[in-house]
């Protein structure tokens, strides 16, 4: 149990990210006049996908005891969790509403649920995941674990 504490925290955070956008802290799901959803809807889908990826990585790390694999999967968890923050804030643009008909982003109104409840929760989960992922790498480097088995 103690051996897998980092992975357990990652799996729990991943599940919470999967549930957050459409069940716990709902993003806008209404369809606009042009028949498309707002950017926060697609941000919610991104967060669900990244949460699922984090859960899978955590479970694989619990099952497999390969040091190299753990480093790679901790890197995947780190990148996936940072994507949950960077992409909705449009620090890196994905999609364009006018050109593609969709985009990942947040509502322009500061009082909307995606800005008031959803994104602050995601930000907290990202901070926890980044810290835990880095700690996982540190703990892994301190463990005496053999090479990967084929």
Protein backbone atom coordinates (compact mmCIF):
# COMPACT_ATOMS: atom_id res chain seq x y z
CA UNK A 1 0.00 0.00 0.00
CA UNK A 2 2.72 2.45 1.04
CA UNK A 3 4.73 1.49 -2.04
CA UNK A 4 1.92 2.58 -4.37
CA UNK A 5 0.84 5.74 -2.51
CA UNK A 6 1.97 8.06 -5.32
CA UNK A 7 0.06 6.04 -7.91
CA UNK A 8 -3.04 5.87 -5.71
CA UNK A 9 -3.06 9.67 -5.41
CA UNK A 10 -2.61 9.96 -9.18
CA UNK A 11 -5.48 7.56 -9.88
CA UNK A 12 -7.81 9.39 -7.45
CA UNK A 13 -6.91 12.77 -8.98
CA UNK A 14 -7.40 11.31 -12.47
CA UNK A 15 -10.86 10.01 -11.56
CA UNK A 16 -11.77 13.40 -10.07
CA UNK A 17 -10.62 15.10 -13.28
CA UNK A 18 -12.76 12.68 -15.30
CA UNK A 19 -15.84 13.48 -13.20
CA UNK A 20 -15.30 17.22 -12.77
CA UNK A 21 -16.46 18.77 -16.07
CA UNK A 22 -19.76 17.00 -16.57
CA UNK A 23 -20.72 15.67 -13.13
CA UNK A 24 -19.07 17.54 -10.23
CA UNK A 25 -18.34 21.07 -11.49
CA UNK A 26 -20.27 21.29 -14.73
CA UNK A 27 -19.03 23.29 -17.67
CA UNK A 28 -21.40 24.89 -20.18
CA UNK A 29 -23.03 22.24 -22.36
CA UNK A 30 -25.48 24.52 -24.16
CA UNK A 31 -25.28 24.71 -27.92
CA UNK A 32 -24.73 28.15 -29.49
CA UNK A 33 -26.83 29.57 -32.33
CA UNK A 34 -24.39 28.16 -34.90
CA UNK A 35 -24.91 24.64 -33.54
CA UNK A 36 -21.50 24.41 -31.87
CA UNK A 37 -20.61 24.19 -28.20
CA UNK A 38 -18.66 26.85 -26.34
CA UNK A 39 -14.93 26.41 -25.72
CA UNK A 40 -15.39 25.30 -22.13
CA UNK A 41 -17.32 22.23 -23.34
CA UNK A 42 -14.30 21.12 -25.34
CA UNK A 43 -12.03 21.97 -22.39
CA UNK A 44 -14.20 19.64 -20.33
CA UNK A 45 -13.72 16.87 -22.88
CA UNK A 46 -9.97 17.47 -22.81
CA UNK A 47 -9.89 17.24 -19.01
CA UNK A 48 -11.91 13.99 -19.09
CA UNK A 49 -9.46 12.50 -21.60
CA UNK A 50 -6.38 13.61 -19.69
CA UNK A 51 -7.92 12.30 -16.45
CA UNK A 52 -8.47 8.91 -18.11
CA UNK A 53 -4.87 8.88 -19.33
CA UNK A 54 -3.63 9.68 -15.82
CA UNK A 55 -5.74 6.85 -14.36
CA UNK A 56 -4.36 4.36 -16.89
CA UNK A 57 -0.77 5.46 -16.17
CA UNK A 58 -1.31 5.14 -12.42
CA UNK A 59 -2.76 1.65 -12.74
CA UNK A 60 0.02 0.47 -15.05
CA UNK A 61 2.62 1.79 -12.59
CA UNK A 62 0.92 -0.14 -9.77
CA UNK A 63 1.00 -3.38 -11.79
CA UNK A 64 4.44 -3.10 -13.43
CA UNK A 65 7.64 -2.59 -11.45
CA UNK A 66 9.93 -1.41 -14.24
CA UNK A 67 11.91 1.70 -13.26
CA UNK A 68 12.22 3.01 -16.82
CA UNK A 69 8.51 2.55 -17.45
CA UNK A 70 7.72 4.41 -14.23
CA UNK A 71 9.84 7.39 -15.29
CA UNK A 72 8.14 7.51 -18.70
CA UNK A 73 4.64 7.20 -17.23
CA UNK A 74 5.37 9.84 -14.56
CA UNK A 75 6.38 12.10 -17.45
CA UNK A 76 3.09 11.32 -19.21
CA UNK A 77 1.18 12.16 -16.00
CA UNK A 78 3.11 15.42 -15.71
CA UNK A 79 2.42 16.47 -19.32
CA UNK A 80 -1.25 15.38 -19.19
CA UNK A 81 -1.88 17.30 -15.99
CA UNK A 82 -0.17 20.44 -17.32
CA UNK A 83 -2.27 20.16 -20.50
CA UNK A 84 -5.38 20.42 -18.31
CA UNK A 85 -4.23 23.89 -17.28
CA UNK A 86 -2.35 25.25 -20.29
CA UNK A 87 -4.84 24.38 -23.03
CA UNK A 88 -8.09 25.75 -21.48
CA UNK A 89 -6.26 29.01 -20.69
CA UNK A 90 -5.27 29.10 -24.40
CA UNK A 91 -1.56 29.45 -23.60
CA UNK A 92 -1.30 26.99 -26.47
CA UNK A 93 -4.19 27.33 -28.90
CA UNK A 94 -6.02 24.19 -29.94
CA UNK A 95 -8.84 24.71 -32.39
CA UNK A 96 -10.25 27.97 -33.65
CA UNK A 97 -13.95 28.72 -33.48
CA UNK A 98 -14.12 30.61 -36.77
CA UNK A 99 -11.86 28.31 -38.79
CA UNK A 100 -12.45 24.88 -37.24
CA UNK A 101 -15.86 25.38 -35.66
CA UNK A 102 -14.54 24.45 -32.22
CA UNK A 103 -11.84 25.49 -29.76
CA UNK A 104 -10.54 24.57 -26.35
CA UNK A 105 -10.91 27.50 -23.98
CA UNK A 106 -13.01 29.04 -21.24
CA UNK A 107 -16.00 31.36 -21.29
CA UNK A 108 -15.29 35.04 -21.72
CA UNK A 109 -17.52 35.90 -18.78
CA UNK A 110 -15.71 35.73 -15.44
CA UNK A 111 -18.88 34.76 -13.55
CA UNK A 112 -19.57 31.61 -15.58
CA UNK A 113 -19.26 28.22 -13.86
CA UNK A 114 -16.22 27.19 -15.89
CA UNK A 115 -14.26 30.20 -14.56
CA UNK A 116 -15.66 30.25 -11.02
CA UNK A 117 -15.79 26.56 -10.08
CA UNK A 118 -14.45 24.21 -12.75
CA UNK A 119 -11.08 25.78 -13.56
CA UNK A 120 -10.10 26.53 -9.94
CA UNK A 121 -10.75 22.86 -9.13
CA UNK A 122 -8.74 21.71 -12.15
CA UNK A 123 -5.91 24.05 -11.17
CA UNK A 124 -5.76 22.48 -7.70
CA UNK A 125 -5.73 18.98 -9.18
CA UNK A 126 -2.95 20.00 -11.60
CA UNK A 127 -0.82 21.33 -8.73
CA UNK A 128 -1.32 18.11 -6.75
CA UNK A 129 -0.53 15.95 -9.79
CA UNK A 130 2.61 17.89 -10.71
CA UNK A 131 3.96 17.67 -7.15
CA UNK A 132 3.03 13.99 -6.80
CA UNK A 133 4.49 13.13 -10.21
CA UNK A 134 7.79 14.80 -9.36
CA UNK A 135 7.81 13.09 -5.96
CA UNK A 136 7.16 9.79 -7.73
CA UNK A 137 10.29 10.33 -9.83
CA UNK A 138 12.32 11.19 -6.72
CA UNK A 139 11.06 8.13 -4.83
CA UNK A 140 11.74 5.95 -7.85
CA UNK A 141 15.33 7.18 -8.07
CA UNK A 142 15.84 6.30 -4.38
CA UNK A 143 14.50 2.76 -4.80
CA UNK A 144 16.78 -0.08 -5.72
CA UNK A 145 14.77 -1.65 -8.52
CA UNK A 146 16.04 -3.93 -11.25
CA UNK A 147 15.84 -3.64 -14.98
CA UNK A 148 12.61 -4.14 -16.90
CA UNK A 149 11.56 -7.73 -17.45
CA UNK A 150 10.51 -8.84 -20.89
